[in-house]
Protein backbone atom coordinates (compact mmCIF):
# COMPACT_ATOMS: atom_id res chain seq x y z
CA MET A 1 22.45 225.48 190.76
CA ASN A 2 23.59 222.79 188.17
CA GLN A 3 27.40 221.91 188.00
CA ASP A 4 28.04 222.88 184.52
CA PHE A 5 31.88 222.51 184.42
CA THR A 6 34.99 221.26 186.22
CA VAL A 7 38.18 223.05 186.82
CA VAL A 8 41.06 221.46 187.14
CA VAL A 9 43.83 222.46 189.41
CA THR A 10 47.29 220.54 188.32
CA ASP A 11 48.93 220.98 191.76
CA GLN A 12 48.41 222.42 194.82
CA VAL A 13 50.14 223.35 198.02
CA PHE A 14 48.03 224.80 200.52
CA PRO A 15 46.17 222.56 203.18
CA SER A 16 42.58 223.08 201.65
CA ILE A 17 40.89 224.13 198.60
CA GLU A 18 37.69 224.80 200.52
CA THR A 19 37.78 228.62 199.53
CA GLU A 20 38.36 227.71 195.77
CA THR A 21 35.89 225.22 195.96
CA GLN A 22 33.00 227.25 197.73
CA LEU A 23 33.51 230.16 195.07
CA LEU A 24 33.69 227.79 192.03
CA ALA A 25 30.35 226.22 193.41
CA ALA A 26 28.95 229.78 193.38
CA ILE A 27 28.90 229.69 189.74
CA GLY A 28 28.10 226.39 189.08
CA ALA A 29 31.56 224.86 188.83
CA ARG A 30 33.27 221.82 190.90
CA ILE A 31 36.81 221.39 191.49
CA LYS A 32 39.22 218.38 191.12
CA VAL A 33 43.20 218.48 192.02
CA ALA A 34 45.63 216.69 190.33
CA ASP A 35 48.57 215.38 191.90
CA GLY A 36 50.96 217.49 189.74
CA THR A 37 52.69 214.84 187.75
CA ALA A 38 51.61 214.57 183.80
CA GLU A 39 49.53 211.01 184.70
CA GLY A 40 48.14 212.48 187.26
CA VAL A 41 46.44 215.54 185.31
CA THR A 42 45.43 213.44 182.49
CA ARG A 43 43.70 211.07 184.91
CA VAL A 44 42.06 214.02 186.84
CA GLY A 45 41.32 216.27 183.41
CA GLY A 46 41.67 213.68 180.92
CA ASP A 47 37.98 214.29 179.53
CA TYR A 48 38.77 217.71 179.40
CA LEU A 49 42.13 217.49 177.95
CA PHE A 50 41.10 214.83 175.29
CA GLY A 51 38.34 217.23 174.25
CA VAL A 52 40.62 220.19 173.68
CA ALA A 53 42.80 218.03 171.35
CA GLU A 54 39.98 217.07 169.48
CA ARG A 55 38.49 220.61 169.11
CA GLY A 56 41.69 222.25 169.05
CA GLN A 57 43.58 224.95 171.18
CA PRO A 58 41.60 228.10 171.68
CA GLU A 59 42.55 231.47 170.35
CA HIS A 60 44.33 233.68 172.35
């Protein structure tokens, strides 16, 4: 299955994200983990964050 999207975890406290990685891979996603800082989140998820800024926030 092609990886269609990326999930960015802003921070995490568990020693492994293997379970999450496998679950997300099963639906065509990859996971990236930031270090919890604003700079880290921007670095890891920057493309998505800037894409949201350009399109506007989704409706809730």
